[in-house]
Amino acid sequence: MPDFAFTLQQLSDLQDSLVAQLRESPDSSVALNRKRDVDAAIAALQLCAAHGIHGNATVTKLPMTQTSTPSSEYRLVEDHETDDPQTWTEVVVNDEPIRPTPWTLLVDP
């Protein structure tokens, strides 16, 4: 599982450098934009590390539902090794069923 430790340390060092630049020149929009970019990169890598997501992960974006009515939705179900939908159960996390929306990203690390 990737932890990105080396890269996160490099980005942290760059972040510290940019903070120092901003202390010297608080009006530097270039340094501020670079710091924001580095902050976002650190957060993204930390998220990936926490969930074991690497650069070769498969990402699938759900399309719009085929039925365009307010009550049509996706549901995540476990099929219990059967093709009979009557035996399927909906996946529940934190006491809430998983109901992805169109454009939800599914990540297979």
C-alpha atoms as a PDB file:
ATOM      1  CA  MET A   1       0.000   0.000   0.000  1.00  0.00           C
ATOM      2  CA  PRO A   2       1.514   3.360  -0.968  1.00  0.00           C
ATOM      3  CA  ASP A   3       2.202   5.817   1.828  1.00  0.00           C
ATOM      4  CA  PHE A   4       3.846   8.542  -0.270  1.00  0.00           C
ATOM      5  CA  ALA A   5       6.093   9.373   2.713  1.00  0.00           C
ATOM      6  CA  PHE A   6       8.999  10.698   0.642  1.00  0.00           C
ATOM      7  CA  THR A   7       6.785  12.816  -1.612  1.00  0.00           C
ATOM      8  CA  LEU A   8       4.729  14.130   1.295  1.00  0.00           C
ATOM      9  CA  GLN A   9       7.935  15.166   3.076  1.00  0.00           C
ATOM     10  CA  GLN A  10       9.168  16.965  -0.057  1.00  0.00           C
ATOM     11  CA  LEU A  11       5.837  18.749  -0.405  1.00  0.00           C
ATOM     12  CA  SER A  12       5.858  19.648   3.295  1.00  0.00           C
ATOM     13  CA  ASP A  13       9.320  21.167   2.901  1.00  0.00           C
ATOM     14  CA  LEU A  14       8.102  23.144  -0.119  1.00  0.00           C
ATOM     15  CA  GLN A  15       5.056  24.229   1.854  1.00  0.00           C
ATOM     16  CA  ASP A  16       7.323  25.524   4.655  1.00  0.00           C
ATOM     17  CA  SER A  17       9.399  27.418   2.101  1.00  0.00           C
ATOM     18  CA  LEU A  18       6.304  29.027   0.611  1.00  0.00           C
ATOM     19  CA  VAL A  19       5.040  30.016   4.061  1.00  0.00           C
ATOM     20  CA  ALA A  20       8.402  31.708   4.684  1.00  0.00           C
ATOM     21  CA  GLN A  21       8.092  33.546   1.354  1.00  0.00           C
ATOM     22  CA  LEU A  22       4.616  34.716   2.324  1.00  0.00           C
ATOM     23  CA  ARG A  23       5.909  36.028   5.664  1.00  0.00           C
ATOM     24  CA  GLU A  24       8.507  38.079   3.806  1.00  0.00           C
ATOM     25  CA  SER A  25       6.120  39.206   1.055  1.00  0.00           C
ATOM     26  CA  PRO A  26       2.519  38.855   2.266  1.00  0.00           C
ATOM     27  CA  ASP A  27       1.207  40.347  -0.986  1.00  0.00           C
ATOM     28  CA  SER A  28       2.852  37.710  -3.200  1.00  0.00           C
ATOM     29  CA  SER A  29       0.009  36.187  -5.173  1.00  0.00           C
ATOM     30  CA  VAL A  30       2.437  33.765  -6.863  1.00  0.00           C
ATOM     31  CA  ALA A  31       3.610  32.314  -3.534  1.00  0.00           C
ATOM     32  CA  LEU A  32       0.059  32.186  -2.225  1.00  0.00           C
ATOM     33  CA  ASN A  33      -1.216  30.329  -5.300  1.00  0.00           C
ATOM     34  CA  ARG A  34       1.714  27.900  -5.126  1.00  0.00           C
ATOM     35  CA  LYS A  35       1.064  27.270  -1.429  1.00  0.00           C
ATOM     36  CA  ARG A  36      -2.605  26.564  -2.121  1.00  0.00           C
ATOM     37  CA  ASP A  37      -1.576  24.161  -4.878  1.00  0.00           C
ATOM     38  CA  VAL A  38       0.861  22.378  -2.554  1.00  0.00           C
ATOM     39  CA  ASP A  39      -1.773  22.250   0.208  1.00  0.00           C
ATOM     40  CA  ALA A  40      -4.191  20.574  -2.221  1.00  0.00           C
ATOM     41  CA  ALA A  41      -1.532  18.099  -3.384  1.00  0.00           C
ATOM     42  CA  ILE A  42      -0.705  17.154   0.204  1.00  0.00           C
ATOM     43  CA  ALA A  43      -4.370  16.621   1.038  1.00  0.00           C
ATOM     44  CA  ALA A  44      -4.868  14.488  -2.089  1.00  0.00           C
ATOM     45  CA  LEU A  45      -1.849  12.295  -1.348  1.00  0.00           C
ATOM     46  CA  GLN A  46      -2.886  11.907   2.286  1.00  0.00           C
ATOM     47  CA  LEU A  47      -6.357  10.821   1.152  1.00  0.00           C
ATOM     48  CA  CYS A  48      -4.847   8.313  -1.284  1.00  0.00           C
ATOM     49  CA  ALA A  49      -2.447   6.973   1.348  1.00  0.00           C
ATOM     50  CA  ALA A  50      -5.235   6.598   3.910  1.00  0.00           C
ATOM     51  CA  HIS A  51      -7.302   4.523   1.478  1.00  0.00           C
ATOM     52  CA  GLY A  52      -4.502   2.633  -0.269  1.00  0.00           C
ATOM     53  CA  ILE A  53      -5.129   4.320  -3.607  1.00  0.00           C
ATOM     54  CA  HIS A  54      -2.211   4.352  -6.016  1.00  0.00           C
ATOM     55  CA  GLY A  55      -1.653   5.981  -9.385  1.00  0.00           C
ATOM     56  CA  ASN A  56      -2.737   2.880 -11.295  1.00  0.00           C
ATOM     57  CA  ALA A  57      -6.107   2.656  -9.536  1.00  0.00           C
ATOM     58  CA  THR A  58      -9.140   2.049 -11.691  1.00  0.00           C
ATOM     59  CA  VAL A  59     -11.658   4.884 -11.475  1.00  0.00           C
ATOM     60  CA  THR A  60     -15.154   4.527 -12.905  1.00  0.00           C
ATOM     61  CA  LYS A  61     -17.551   7.458 -13.129  1.00  0.00           C
ATOM     62  CA  LEU A  62     -21.199   6.447 -12.955  1.00  0.00           C
ATOM     63  CA  PRO A  63     -23.268   7.730 -15.877  1.00  0.00           C
ATOM     64  CA  MET A  64     -26.650   9.381 -15.641  1.00  0.00           C
ATOM     65  CA  THR A  65     -29.381   6.923 -14.742  1.00  0.00           C
ATOM     66  CA  GLN A  66     -31.205   5.427 -17.716  1.00  0.00           C
ATOM     67  CA  THR A  67     -34.523   6.458 -16.218  1.00  0.00           C
ATOM     68  CA  SER A  68     -34.784  10.213 -15.781  1.00  0.00           C
ATOM     69  CA  THR A  69     -37.330  10.508 -13.010  1.00  0.00           C
ATOM     70  CA  PRO A  70     -36.840  11.946  -9.519  1.00  0.00           C
ATOM     71  CA  SER A  71     -37.298   8.536  -7.899  1.00  0.00           C
ATOM     72  CA  SER A  72     -34.825   6.664 -10.120  1.00  0.00           C
ATOM     73  CA  GLU A  73     -31.531   6.063  -8.344  1.00  0.00           C
ATOM     74  CA  TYR A  74     -28.542   3.809  -8.050  1.00  0.00           C
ATOM     75  CA  ARG A  75     -28.334   1.373  -5.158  1.00  0.00           C
ATOM     76  CA  LEU A  76     -25.349  -0.627  -4.054  1.00  0.00           C
ATOM     77  CA  VAL A  77     -26.337  -4.196  -3.265  1.00  0.00           C
ATOM     78  CA  GLU A  78     -24.689  -7.454  -2.274  1.00  0.00           C
ATOM     79  CA  ASP A  79     -25.967 -10.308  -4.444  1.00  0.00           C
ATOM     80  CA  HIS A  80     -25.109 -13.191  -2.073  1.00  0.00           C
ATOM     81  CA  GLU A  81     -23.859 -15.200  -5.054  1.00  0.00           C
ATOM     82  CA  THR A  82     -27.254 -15.365  -6.708  1.00  0.00           C
ATOM     83  CA  ASP A  83     -28.905 -13.758  -9.709  1.00  0.00           C
ATOM     84  CA  ASP A  84     -32.200 -13.515  -7.831  1.00  0.00           C
ATOM     85  CA  PRO A  85     -32.721  -9.839  -6.919  1.00  0.00           C
ATOM     86  CA  GLN A  86     -35.198 -10.866  -4.206  1.00  0.00           C
ATOM     87  CA  THR A  87     -32.320 -12.227  -2.107  1.00  0.00           C
ATOM     88  CA  TRP A  88     -30.025  -9.250  -2.575  1.00  0.00           C
ATOM     89  CA  THR A  89     -29.392  -6.883   0.326  1.00  0.00           C
ATOM     90  CA  GLU A  90     -28.554  -3.229   0.149  1.00  0.00           C
ATOM     91  CA  VAL A  91     -25.106  -2.231   1.425  1.00  0.00           C
ATOM     92  CA  VAL A  92     -25.335  -0.125   4.581  1.00  0.00           C
ATOM     93  CA  VAL A  93     -22.485   1.952   6.033  1.00  0.00           C
ATOM     94  CA  ASN A  94     -22.912   3.930   9.261  1.00  0.00           C
ATOM     95  CA  ASP A  95     -26.580   2.916   9.348  1.00  0.00           C
ATOM     96  CA  GLU A  96     -27.176   4.511   5.919  1.00  0.00           C
ATOM     97  CA  PRO A  97     -27.739   2.693   2.620  1.00  0.00           C
ATOM     98  CA  ILE A  98     -25.210   3.493  -0.081  1.00  0.00           C
ATOM     99  CA  ARG A  99     -27.004   5.413  -2.822  1.00  0.00           C
ATOM    100  CA  PRO A 100     -24.450   6.755  -5.293  1.00  0.00           C
ATOM    101  CA  THR A 101     -25.526   9.555  -7.583  1.00  0.00           C
ATOM    102  CA  PRO A 102     -24.706  10.032 -11.263  1.00  0.00           C
ATOM    103  CA  TRP A 103     -21.081  11.078 -11.694  1.00  0.00           C
ATOM    104  CA  THR A 104     -20.063   9.340  -8.450  1.00  0.00           C
ATOM    105  CA  LEU A 105     -16.528   7.987  -8.733  1.00  0.00           C
ATOM    106  CA  LEU A 106     -15.934   4.339  -7.867  1.00  0.00           C
ATOM    107  CA  VAL A 107     -12.270   3.651  -7.066  1.00  0.00           C
ATOM    108  CA  ASP A 108     -10.659   0.218  -7.171  1.00  0.00           C
ATOM    109  CA  PRO A 109      -7.268   0.780  -5.558  1.00  0.00           C
END
